Amino acid sequence: MHTLRTTSARLARTAWTLLLPLAWALTDAIDHVQNRERRLMVDDRGSETVEKAVMTALVLGLALGLAGVIAAVVHKFQGQIH
């Protein structure tokens, strides 16, 4: 009986050490979402849309540049590849 009580106590402590940080993280995430929603409703100037468009354009440019470099390397070494 003592072993069962000790094991259940250990499991309870382990559960709390795992569940408590998870609960804090979940509470923090919910708070963050609520604050973000409140801020967007009050200050809706569209700046985030512009930031997203700029970031998308930069990433697309980098992707196209990388594709060009890969195509050039493949074209240069095409004879050795075969």
C-alpha atoms as a PDB file:
ATOM      1  CA  MET A   1       0.000   0.000   0.000  1.00  0.00           C
ATOM      2  CA  HIS A   2       2.873   2.333   0.812  1.00  0.00           C
ATOM      3  CA  THR A   3       4.379   1.824  -2.663  1.00  0.00           C
ATOM      4  CA  LEU A   4       1.071   2.618  -4.329  1.00  0.00           C
ATOM      5  CA  ARG A   5       0.691   5.793  -2.260  1.00  0.00           C
ATOM      6  CA  THR A   6       4.268   6.845  -3.061  1.00  0.00           C
ATOM      7  CA  THR A   7       3.803   6.130  -6.746  1.00  0.00           C
ATOM      8  CA  SER A   8       0.533   8.043  -6.924  1.00  0.00           C
ATOM      9  CA  ALA A   9       2.097  10.989  -5.084  1.00  0.00           C
ATOM     10  CA  ARG A  10       5.027  10.968  -7.508  1.00  0.00           C
ATOM     11  CA  LEU A  11       2.650  10.841 -10.487  1.00  0.00           C
ATOM     12  CA  ALA A  12       0.648  13.732  -9.061  1.00  0.00           C
ATOM     13  CA  ARG A  13       3.806  15.830  -8.645  1.00  0.00           C
ATOM     14  CA  THR A  14       4.915  14.970 -12.189  1.00  0.00           C
ATOM     15  CA  ALA A  15       1.494  15.861 -13.555  1.00  0.00           C
ATOM     16  CA  TRP A  16       1.574  19.217 -11.799  1.00  0.00           C
ATOM     17  CA  THR A  17       5.080  19.968 -13.050  1.00  0.00           C
ATOM     18  CA  LEU A  18       3.898  19.267 -16.583  1.00  0.00           C
ATOM     19  CA  LEU A  19       0.391  20.714 -16.420  1.00  0.00           C
ATOM     20  CA  LEU A  20       1.165  23.926 -14.579  1.00  0.00           C
ATOM     21  CA  PRO A  21       3.554  25.339 -17.221  1.00  0.00           C
ATOM     22  CA  LEU A  22       1.134  24.219 -19.923  1.00  0.00           C
ATOM     23  CA  ALA A  23      -1.717  26.022 -18.182  1.00  0.00           C
ATOM     24  CA  TRP A  24       0.416  29.156 -17.807  1.00  0.00           C
ATOM     25  CA  ALA A  25       1.385  29.042 -21.475  1.00  0.00           C
ATOM     26  CA  LEU A  26      -2.228  28.566 -22.525  1.00  0.00           C
ATOM     27  CA  THR A  27      -3.369  31.444 -20.319  1.00  0.00           C
ATOM     28  CA  ASP A  28      -0.595  33.635 -21.708  1.00  0.00           C
ATOM     29  CA  ALA A  29      -1.529  32.736 -25.290  1.00  0.00           C
ATOM     30  CA  ILE A  30      -5.197  33.533 -24.678  1.00  0.00           C
ATOM     31  CA  ASP A  31      -4.245  36.846 -23.081  1.00  0.00           C
ATOM     32  CA  HIS A  32      -1.988  37.668 -26.027  1.00  0.00           C
ATOM     33  CA  VAL A  33      -4.760  36.925 -28.527  1.00  0.00           C
ATOM     34  CA  GLN A  34      -7.243  39.045 -26.595  1.00  0.00           C
ATOM     35  CA  ASN A  35      -4.817  41.974 -26.369  1.00  0.00           C
ATOM     36  CA  ARG A  36      -4.002  41.684 -30.060  1.00  0.00           C
ATOM     37  CA  GLU A  37      -7.685  41.620 -30.992  1.00  0.00           C
ATOM     38  CA  ARG A  38      -8.367  44.647 -28.798  1.00  0.00           C
ATOM     39  CA  ARG A  39      -5.439  46.522 -30.342  1.00  0.00           C
ATOM     40  CA  LEU A  40      -6.520  45.696 -33.893  1.00  0.00           C
ATOM     41  CA  MET A  41     -10.044  46.887 -33.220  1.00  0.00           C
ATOM     42  CA  VAL A  42      -8.814  50.199 -31.786  1.00  0.00           C
ATOM     43  CA  ASP A  43      -5.884  50.859 -34.120  1.00  0.00           C
ATOM     44  CA  ASP A  44      -6.842  49.467 -37.520  1.00  0.00           C
ATOM     45  CA  ARG A  45      -4.619  51.419 -39.893  1.00  0.00           C
ATOM     46  CA  GLY A  46      -3.615  48.543 -42.159  1.00  0.00           C
ATOM     47  CA  SER A  47       0.089  48.743 -41.325  1.00  0.00           C
ATOM     48  CA  GLU A  48       0.252  45.019 -40.728  1.00  0.00           C
ATOM     49  CA  THR A  49      -1.001  44.366 -44.226  1.00  0.00           C
ATOM     50  CA  VAL A  50       1.781  46.536 -45.650  1.00  0.00           C
ATOM     51  CA  GLU A  51       4.370  44.792 -43.489  1.00  0.00           C
ATOM     52  CA  LYS A  52       3.137  41.395 -44.633  1.00  0.00           C
ATOM     53  CA  ALA A  53       3.235  42.493 -48.284  1.00  0.00           C
ATOM     54  CA  VAL A  54       6.807  43.754 -47.932  1.00  0.00           C
ATOM     55  CA  MET A  55       7.940  40.565 -46.195  1.00  0.00           C
ATOM     56  CA  THR A  56       6.212  38.445 -48.843  1.00  0.00           C
ATOM     57  CA  ALA A  57       7.900  40.402 -51.626  1.00  0.00           C
ATOM     58  CA  LEU A  58      11.317  40.002 -49.979  1.00  0.00           C
ATOM     59  CA  VAL A  59      10.872  36.269 -49.467  1.00  0.00           C
ATOM     60  CA  LEU A  60       9.603  35.840 -53.020  1.00  0.00           C
ATOM     61  CA  GLY A  61      12.618  37.759 -54.346  1.00  0.00           C
ATOM     62  CA  LEU A  62      14.977  35.593 -52.329  1.00  0.00           C
ATOM     63  CA  ALA A  63      13.245  32.434 -53.544  1.00  0.00           C
ATOM     64  CA  LEU A  64      13.463  33.530 -57.181  1.00  0.00           C
ATOM     65  CA  GLY A  65      17.122  34.478 -56.750  1.00  0.00           C
ATOM     66  CA  LEU A  66      17.894  31.114 -55.190  1.00  0.00           C
ATOM     67  CA  ALA A  67      16.062  29.331 -58.010  1.00  0.00           C
ATOM     68  CA  GLY A  68      18.124  31.307 -60.526  1.00  0.00           C
ATOM     69  CA  VAL A  69      21.381  30.382 -58.803  1.00  0.00           C
ATOM     70  CA  ILE A  70      20.411  26.711 -58.693  1.00  0.00           C
ATOM     71  CA  ALA A  71      19.439  26.775 -62.376  1.00  0.00           C
ATOM     72  CA  ALA A  72      22.769  28.411 -63.282  1.00  0.00           C
ATOM     73  CA  VAL A  73      24.771  25.841 -61.309  1.00  0.00           C
ATOM     74  CA  VAL A  74      22.848  22.964 -62.863  1.00  0.00           C
ATOM     75  CA  HIS A  75      23.331  24.453 -66.338  1.00  0.00           C
ATOM     76  CA  LYS A  76      27.064  24.961 -65.739  1.00  0.00           C
ATOM     77  CA  PHE A  77      27.671  21.435 -64.486  1.00  0.00           C
ATOM     78  CA  GLN A  78      25.119  19.706 -66.698  1.00  0.00           C
ATOM     79  CA  GLY A  79      27.782  17.822 -68.632  1.00  0.00           C
ATOM     80  CA  GLN A  80      29.330  16.423 -65.453  1.00  0.00           C
ATOM     81  CA  ILE A  81      25.943  15.427 -64.052  1.00  0.00           C
ATOM     82  CA  HIS A  82      25.218  13.125 -66.982  1.00  0.00           C
END
